[in-house]
Amino acid sequence: MNITTVTEAMRQAMMTAFWLSLPLLAIGFVAGLVMSLVQIVTSLQDPSFAAAPRLAAFFVGLLLFLPWMLMKLTAYTAWVLSDLGRYAR
């Protein structure tokens, strides 16, 4: 296994992890901003008030993006397994 093969495999793994986590991280960011704005406007500083809607947003986002995430993960797994002989050398 040469350095180019290792570099490509690691790059592909990192990019797959990035694209898989991006939608949920973006949803969490937006939900956190919205809840912070609501807390500022209402002067309500209860931690559970911000956590419950953020968890609900994550759950809805996971349900919406799960088919796409599984498709990306399946494609990555097929790519790794198709080149398995190249990694064994």
N, C-alpha and C. Protein backbone atom coordinates (compact mmCIF):
# COMPACT_ATOMS: atom_id res chain seq x y z
N MET A 1 0.84 -1.17 0.00
CA MET A 1 0.00 0.00 0.00
C MET A 1 0.89 1.24 0.00
N ASN A 2 0.75 2.06 -0.99
CA ASN A 2 1.58 3.25 -1.05
C ASN A 2 0.88 4.45 -0.39
N ILE A 3 1.60 5.55 -0.31
CA ILE A 3 1.10 6.72 0.40
C ILE A 3 -0.11 7.35 -0.31
N THR A 4 -0.17 7.25 -1.63
CA THR A 4 -1.29 7.80 -2.39
C THR A 4 -2.58 7.07 -2.07
N THR A 5 -2.50 5.76 -1.97
CA THR A 5 -3.68 4.96 -1.65
C THR A 5 -4.19 5.27 -0.25
N VAL A 6 -3.29 5.38 0.69
CA VAL A 6 -3.67 5.70 2.07
C VAL A 6 -4.27 7.09 2.14
N THR A 7 -3.65 8.02 1.45
CA THR A 7 -4.15 9.40 1.45
C THR A 7 -5.55 9.48 0.85
N GLU A 8 -5.76 8.80 -0.25
CA GLU A 8 -7.08 8.81 -0.89
C GLU A 8 -8.13 8.14 0.00
N ALA A 9 -7.78 7.04 0.63
CA ALA A 9 -8.73 6.35 1.52
C ALA A 9 -9.08 7.22 2.72
N MET A 10 -8.10 7.88 3.30
CA MET A 10 -8.37 8.76 4.45
C MET A 10 -9.16 9.99 4.03
N ARG A 11 -8.84 10.54 2.87
CA ARG A 11 -9.58 11.70 2.38
C ARG A 11 -11.04 11.35 2.14
N GLN A 12 -11.27 10.20 1.53
CA GLN A 12 -12.64 9.76 1.27
C GLN A 12 -13.40 9.50 2.57
N ALA A 13 -12.73 8.92 3.56
CA ALA A 13 -13.37 8.67 4.85
C ALA A 13 -13.73 9.99 5.55
N MET A 14 -12.82 10.94 5.53
CA MET A 14 -13.08 12.24 6.17
C MET A 14 -14.20 13.01 5.45
N MET A 15 -14.20 12.98 4.13
CA MET A 15 -15.24 13.68 3.39
C MET A 15 -16.61 13.03 3.60
N THR A 16 -16.64 11.71 3.68
CA THR A 16 -17.90 11.03 3.94
C THR A 16 -18.42 11.38 5.33
N ALA A 17 -17.54 11.39 6.33
CA ALA A 17 -17.95 11.77 7.68
C ALA A 17 -18.44 13.22 7.72
N PHE A 18 -17.77 14.09 6.99
CA PHE A 18 -18.17 15.50 6.92
C PHE A 18 -19.56 15.64 6.33
N TRP A 19 -19.80 15.01 5.18
CA TRP A 19 -21.10 15.15 4.51
C TRP A 19 -22.22 14.48 5.28
N LEU A 20 -21.90 13.40 6.01
CA LEU A 20 -22.93 12.74 6.81
C LEU A 20 -23.33 13.57 8.03
N SER A 21 -22.39 14.28 8.61
CA SER A 21 -22.69 15.05 9.82
C SER A 21 -23.20 16.45 9.52
N LEU A 22 -22.95 16.97 8.33
CA LEU A 22 -23.30 18.35 8.01
C LEU A 22 -24.78 18.69 8.17
N PRO A 23 -25.71 17.90 7.66
CA PRO A 23 -27.12 18.30 7.82
C PRO A 23 -27.57 18.39 9.28
N LEU A 24 -27.17 17.42 10.09
CA LEU A 24 -27.59 17.44 11.49
C LEU A 24 -26.91 18.57 12.26
N LEU A 25 -25.66 18.85 11.94
CA LEU A 25 -24.99 19.96 12.61
C LEU A 25 -25.62 21.29 12.21
N ALA A 26 -26.01 21.44 10.96
CA ALA A 26 -26.66 22.67 10.52
C ALA A 26 -28.02 22.83 11.18
N ILE A 27 -28.77 21.75 11.30
CA ILE A 27 -30.07 21.81 11.98
C ILE A 27 -29.88 22.18 13.44
N GLY A 28 -28.89 21.59 14.09
CA GLY A 28 -28.62 21.93 15.49
C GLY A 28 -28.20 23.38 15.66
N PHE A 29 -27.43 23.90 14.72
CA PHE A 29 -26.99 25.29 14.77
C PHE A 29 -28.18 26.24 14.63
N VAL A 30 -29.02 25.97 13.63
CA VAL A 30 -30.18 26.84 13.41
C VAL A 30 -31.16 26.74 14.58
N ALA A 31 -31.41 25.54 15.08
CA ALA A 31 -32.32 25.38 16.21
C ALA A 31 -31.75 26.08 17.45
N GLY A 32 -30.46 26.02 17.66
CA GLY A 32 -29.84 26.71 18.79
C GLY A 32 -29.97 28.22 18.66
N LEU A 33 -29.77 28.74 17.46
CA LEU A 33 -29.94 30.19 17.25
C LEU A 33 -31.38 30.63 17.50
N VAL A 34 -32.31 29.87 16.97
CA VAL A 34 -33.72 30.22 17.15
C VAL A 34 -34.10 30.16 18.63
N MET A 35 -33.68 29.13 19.32
CA MET A 35 -34.02 29.02 20.75
C MET A 35 -33.33 30.11 21.56
N SER A 36 -32.15 30.49 21.20
CA SER A 36 -31.47 31.59 21.89
C SER A 36 -32.22 32.90 21.69
N LEU A 37 -32.67 33.13 20.46
CA LEU A 37 -33.45 34.34 20.20
C LEU A 37 -34.76 34.34 20.97
N VAL A 38 -35.42 33.19 21.03
CA VAL A 38 -36.67 33.09 21.79
C VAL A 38 -36.40 33.34 23.27
N GLN A 39 -35.32 32.81 23.80
CA GLN A 39 -34.98 33.03 25.20
C GLN A 39 -34.65 34.49 25.48
N ILE A 40 -34.00 35.15 24.54
CA ILE A 40 -33.69 36.57 24.72
C ILE A 40 -34.96 37.40 24.73
N VAL A 41 -35.85 37.09 23.79
CA VAL A 41 -37.10 37.87 23.67
C VAL A 41 -37.99 37.66 24.89
N THR A 42 -38.08 36.41 25.36
CA THR A 42 -39.00 36.12 26.47
C THR A 42 -38.34 36.23 27.83
N SER A 43 -37.04 36.42 27.89
CA SER A 43 -36.27 36.47 29.15
C SER A 43 -36.44 35.19 29.97
N LEU A 44 -36.65 34.09 29.30
CA LEU A 44 -36.78 32.79 29.96
C LEU A 44 -35.45 32.06 29.84
N GLN A 45 -34.79 31.80 30.95
CA GLN A 45 -33.45 31.22 30.92
C GLN A 45 -33.42 29.79 31.46
N ASP A 46 -34.46 29.04 31.22
CA ASP A 46 -34.51 27.65 31.67
C ASP A 46 -33.76 26.77 30.68
N PRO A 47 -32.77 25.98 31.13
CA PRO A 47 -32.00 25.14 30.19
C PRO A 47 -32.84 24.09 29.48
N SER A 48 -33.85 23.54 30.15
CA SER A 48 -34.67 22.52 29.51
C SER A 48 -35.55 23.12 28.42
N PHE A 49 -35.84 24.40 28.52
CA PHE A 49 -36.63 25.08 27.48
C PHE A 49 -35.89 25.09 26.15
N ALA A 50 -34.58 25.17 26.18
CA ALA A 50 -33.79 25.18 24.94
C ALA A 50 -33.45 23.77 24.48
N ALA A 51 -33.31 22.84 25.40
CA ALA A 51 -32.86 21.50 25.04
C ALA A 51 -33.93 20.68 24.35
N ALA A 52 -35.16 20.75 24.81
CA ALA A 52 -36.23 19.92 24.25
C ALA A 52 -36.51 20.24 22.79
N PRO A 53 -36.68 21.51 22.39
CA PRO A 53 -36.89 21.78 20.95
C PRO A 53 -35.68 21.44 20.09
N ARG A 54 -34.49 21.61 20.63
CA ARG A 54 -33.29 21.27 19.86
C ARG A 54 -33.23 19.76 19.62
N LEU A 55 -33.55 18.97 20.63
CA LEU A 55 -33.59 17.51 20.44
C LEU A 55 -34.68 17.11 19.45
N ALA A 56 -35.83 17.79 19.51
CA ALA A 56 -36.90 17.50 18.55
C ALA A 56 -36.45 17.85 17.13
N ALA A 57 -35.73 18.96 16.98
CA ALA A 57 -35.23 19.33 15.65
C ALA A 57 -34.23 18.30 15.13
N PHE A 58 -33.35 17.81 16.01
CA PHE A 58 -32.41 16.76 15.61
C PHE A 58 -33.15 15.50 15.16
N PHE A 59 -34.18 15.12 15.91
CA PHE A 59 -34.93 13.92 15.58
C PHE A 59 -35.63 14.06 14.23
N VAL A 60 -36.27 15.20 14.01
CA VAL A 60 -36.94 15.43 12.72
C VAL A 60 -35.91 15.46 11.59
N GLY A 61 -34.78 16.11 11.81
CA GLY A 61 -33.74 16.14 10.80
C GLY A 61 -33.19 14.76 10.50
N LEU A 62 -33.04 13.96 11.53
CA LEU A 62 -32.56 12.59 11.33
C LEU A 62 -33.56 11.79 10.52
N LEU A 63 -34.85 11.95 10.81
CA LEU A 63 -35.87 11.23 10.03
C LEU A 63 -35.89 11.70 8.57
N LEU A 64 -35.69 12.99 8.35
CA LEU A 64 -35.71 13.50 6.98
C LEU A 64 -34.47 13.11 6.19
N PHE A 65 -33.31 13.15 6.83
CA PHE A 65 -32.06 12.91 6.12
C PHE A 65 -31.54 11.48 6.20
N LEU A 66 -32.20 10.61 6.95
CA LEU A 66 -31.72 9.25 7.10
C LEU A 66 -31.61 8.49 5.78
N PRO A 67 -32.59 8.56 4.88
CA PRO A 67 -32.42 7.84 3.61
C PRO A 67 -31.20 8.33 2.81
N TRP A 68 -31.00 9.63 2.77
CA TRP A 68 -29.85 10.18 2.06
C TRP A 68 -28.54 9.77 2.74
N MET A 69 -28.52 9.79 4.06
CA MET A 69 -27.32 9.40 4.80
C MET A 69 -27.00 7.92 4.57
N LEU A 70 -28.01 7.09 4.57
CA LEU A 70 -27.78 5.66 4.31
C LEU A 70 -27.28 5.42 2.90
N MET A 71 -27.80 6.20 1.94
CA MET A 71 -27.33 6.07 0.56
C MET A 71 -25.85 6.45 0.45
N LYS A 72 -25.45 7.56 1.08
CA LYS A 72 -24.05 7.98 1.06
C LYS A 72 -23.16 6.94 1.75
N LEU A 73 -23.61 6.42 2.88
CA LEU A 73 -22.82 5.44 3.62
C LEU A 73 -22.71 4.12 2.85
N THR A 74 -23.76 3.74 2.18
CA THR A 74 -23.73 2.53 1.36
C THR A 74 -22.77 2.70 0.18
N ALA A 75 -22.80 3.87 -0.44
CA ALA A 75 -21.88 4.14 -1.56
C ALA A 75 -20.43 4.11 -1.09
N TYR A 76 -20.16 4.69 0.08
CA TYR A 76 -18.80 4.67 0.62
C TYR A 76 -18.36 3.24 0.93
N THR A 77 -19.24 2.48 1.55
CA THR A 77 -18.91 1.09 1.88
C THR A 77 -18.65 0.28 0.62
N ALA A 78 -19.45 0.47 -0.41
CA ALA A 78 -19.23 -0.23 -1.68
C ALA A 78 -17.91 0.18 -2.30
N TRP A 79 -17.56 1.46 -2.18
CA TRP A 79 -16.28 1.94 -2.72
C TRP A 79 -15.10 1.29 -1.99
N VAL A 80 -15.19 1.20 -0.67
CA VAL A 80 -14.11 0.59 0.12
C VAL A 80 -13.99 -0.90 -0.20
N LEU A 81 -15.12 -1.59 -0.24
CA LEU A 81 -15.08 -3.03 -0.47
C LEU A 81 -14.71 -3.38 -1.92
N SER A 82 -15.00 -2.49 -2.86
CA SER A 82 -14.63 -2.78 -4.24
C SER A 82 -13.12 -2.71 -4.45
N ASP A 83 -12.43 -1.91 -3.66
CA ASP A 83 -10.98 -1.78 -3.76
C ASP A 83 -10.25 -2.52 -2.64
N LEU A 84 -10.88 -3.51 -2.08
CA LEU A 84 -10.30 -4.21 -0.93
C LEU A 84 -8.99 -4.90 -1.30
N GLY A 85 -8.90 -5.43 -2.50
CA GLY A 85 -7.65 -6.08 -2.92
C GLY A 85 -6.48 -5.11 -2.98
N ARG A 86 -6.76 -3.88 -3.34
CA ARG A 86 -5.71 -2.86 -3.41
C ARG A 86 -5.17 -2.53 -2.01
N TYR A 87 -6.02 -2.59 -0.99
CA TYR A 87 -5.58 -2.27 0.36
C TYR A 87 -4.80 -3.41 1.01
N ALA A 88 -5.01 -4.62 0.54
CA ALA A 88 -4.35 -5.78 1.15
C ALA A 88 -2.88 -5.90 0.76
N ARG A 89 -2.48 -5.25 -0.28
CA ARG A 89 -1.09 -5.36 -0.73
C ARG A 89 -0.16 -4.59 0.16
